[in-house]
C-alpha atoms as a PDB file:
ATOM      1  CA  MET A   1       9.921  -9.965  12.369  1.00  0.00           C
ATOM      2  CA  ALA A   2       8.409 -13.391  11.532  1.00  0.00           C
ATOM      3  CA  LEU A   3       5.870 -13.829   8.711  1.00  0.00           C
ATOM      4  CA  PRO A   4       2.290 -13.963   9.991  1.00  0.00           C
ATOM      5  CA  GLU A   5       0.490 -17.268   9.813  1.00  0.00           C
ATOM      6  CA  GLY A   6      -3.108 -17.729   8.629  1.00  0.00           C
ATOM      7  CA  ARG A   7      -3.013 -14.781   6.289  1.00  0.00           C
ATOM      8  CA  LYS A   8      -2.871 -14.741   2.508  1.00  0.00           C
ATOM      9  CA  LEU A   9       0.302 -12.770   1.658  1.00  0.00           C
ATOM     10  CA  ILE A  10       0.926 -11.097  -1.682  1.00  0.00           C
ATOM     11  CA  GLY A  11       3.925  -9.486  -3.254  1.00  0.00           C
ATOM     12  CA  THR A  12       4.685  -5.949  -4.217  1.00  0.00           C
ATOM     13  CA  ALA A  13       3.508  -6.253  -7.827  1.00  0.00           C
ATOM     14  CA  GLU A  14       0.070  -7.644  -6.901  1.00  0.00           C
ATOM     15  CA  ALA A  15      -0.408  -5.067  -4.118  1.00  0.00           C
ATOM     16  CA  ALA A  16       0.399  -2.314  -6.595  1.00  0.00           C
ATOM     17  CA  LYS A  17      -2.091  -3.661  -9.089  1.00  0.00           C
ATOM     18  CA  ILE A  18      -4.872  -3.888  -6.482  1.00  0.00           C
ATOM     19  CA  LEU A  19      -4.287  -0.346  -5.294  1.00  0.00           C
ATOM     20  CA  GLY A  20      -3.679   1.074  -8.791  1.00  0.00           C
ATOM     21  CA  VAL A  21      -0.288   2.546  -7.961  1.00  0.00           C
ATOM     22  CA  SER A  22       3.279   1.838  -8.974  1.00  0.00           C
ATOM     23  CA  MET A  23       5.496  -0.746  -7.327  1.00  0.00           C
ATOM     24  CA  GLY A  24       7.744   2.138  -6.258  1.00  0.00           C
ATOM     25  CA  ARG A  25       4.833   3.775  -4.413  1.00  0.00           C
ATOM     26  CA  ILE A  26       4.042   0.506  -2.651  1.00  0.00           C
ATOM     27  CA  ARG A  27       7.680   0.314  -1.492  1.00  0.00           C
ATOM     28  CA  GLN A  28       7.442   3.891  -0.196  1.00  0.00           C
ATOM     29  CA  LEU A  29       4.249   3.173   1.711  1.00  0.00           C
ATOM     30  CA  ALA A  30       5.842   0.045   3.231  1.00  0.00           C
ATOM     31  CA  LEU A  31       8.501   2.231   4.837  1.00  0.00           C
ATOM     32  CA  LEU A  32       6.032   4.732   6.395  1.00  0.00           C
ATOM     33  CA  ASP A  33       4.415   4.364   9.815  1.00  0.00           C
ATOM     34  CA  ALA A  34       0.742   3.492   9.790  1.00  0.00           C
ATOM     35  CA  SER A  35      -0.071   6.873  11.335  1.00  0.00           C
ATOM     36  CA  ASP A  36       1.475   8.490   8.194  1.00  0.00           C
ATOM     37  CA  GLY A  37      -0.532   6.304   5.746  1.00  0.00           C
ATOM     38  CA  GLY A  38       1.929   3.445   5.613  1.00  0.00           C
ATOM     39  CA  ILE A  39       1.107  -0.168   4.863  1.00  0.00           C
ATOM     40  CA  GLN A  40       2.267  -3.024   7.162  1.00  0.00           C
ATOM     41  CA  SER A  41       4.639  -5.404   5.390  1.00  0.00           C
ATOM     42  CA  TRP A  42       7.067  -8.180   6.137  1.00  0.00           C
ATOM     43  CA  LEU A  43      10.379  -9.240   4.579  1.00  0.00           C
ATOM     44  CA  ALA A  44       9.964 -12.731   3.141  1.00  0.00           C
ATOM     45  CA  ALA A  45      13.542 -12.659   1.866  1.00  0.00           C
ATOM     46  CA  PRO A  46      16.311 -10.027   1.961  1.00  0.00           C
ATOM     47  CA  THR A  47      14.773  -8.293  -1.077  1.00  0.00           C
ATOM     48  CA  ALA A  48      11.176  -9.630  -1.135  1.00  0.00           C
ATOM     49  CA  ARG A  49       8.491  -7.748   0.728  1.00  0.00           C
ATOM     50  CA  VAL A  50       4.979  -9.191   1.279  1.00  0.00           C
ATOM     51  CA  PHE A  51       1.682  -7.668   2.282  1.00  0.00           C
ATOM     52  CA  ASP A  52      -1.531  -8.966   3.853  1.00  0.00           C
ATOM     53  CA  GLU A  53      -4.008  -9.241   0.938  1.00  0.00           C
ATOM     54  CA  ALA A  54      -7.025  -8.471   3.129  1.00  0.00           C
ATOM     55  CA  GLU A  55      -5.448  -5.201   4.327  1.00  0.00           C
ATOM     56  CA  ILE A  56      -4.550  -4.197   0.781  1.00  0.00           C
ATOM     57  CA  ARG A  57      -8.053  -4.863  -0.467  1.00  0.00           C
ATOM     58  CA  LYS A  58      -9.569  -2.999   2.543  1.00  0.00           C
ATOM     59  CA  ARG A  59      -7.316  -0.005   1.722  1.00  0.00           C
ATOM     60  CA  ALA A  60      -8.331  -0.164  -1.977  1.00  0.00           C
ATOM     61  CA  LYS A  61     -12.038   0.152  -0.985  1.00  0.00           C
ATOM     62  CA  ALA A  62     -11.418   3.059   1.409  1.00  0.00           C
ATOM     63  CA  LYS A  63     -12.178   6.530   0.165  1.00  0.00           C
ATOM     64  CA  ARG A  64      -9.018   8.435  -0.728  1.00  0.00           C
ATOM     65  CA  THR A  65      -8.709  11.800   0.981  1.00  0.00           C
ATOM     66  CA  THR A  66      -5.259  12.881  -0.215  1.00  0.00           C
ATOM     67  CA  GLY A  67      -4.174  14.490  -3.459  1.00  0.00           C
ATOM     68  CA  ARG A  68      -5.484  17.378  -5.381  1.00  0.00           C
ATOM     69  CA  LYS A  69      -9.169  18.220  -5.561  1.00  0.00           C
ATOM     70  CA  ARG A  70     -10.940  17.681  -8.805  1.00  0.00           C
ATOM     71  CA  GLY A  71     -11.373  20.700 -11.089  1.00  0.00           C
ATOM     72  CA  GLY A  72      -7.814  21.955 -10.938  1.00  0.00           C
ATOM     73  CA  PHE A  73      -6.622  25.424 -10.140  1.00  0.00           C
ATOM     74  CA  LYS A  74      -8.929  28.367 -10.875  1.00  0.00           C
ATOM     75  CA  ALA A  75      -7.330  31.795 -10.978  1.00  0.00           C
ATOM     76  CA  ASN A  76      -9.370  34.863 -10.074  1.00  0.00           C
END
């Protein structure tokens, strides 16, 4: 797939920093379908993946709905 034109593309490290996750997690999300919470990415080189900065920033602002609820487990 060709790299998109007219978009600011960023690398894995910068995308991870913006989202506050590890580079490994970014790589995992790049391999998922969008319907499963994945992030669209493109291969700039055989081992270099790039992301659309606007999409990453949009995702960073979105409210997270996954993960554990605050307060932890409360046994009865």
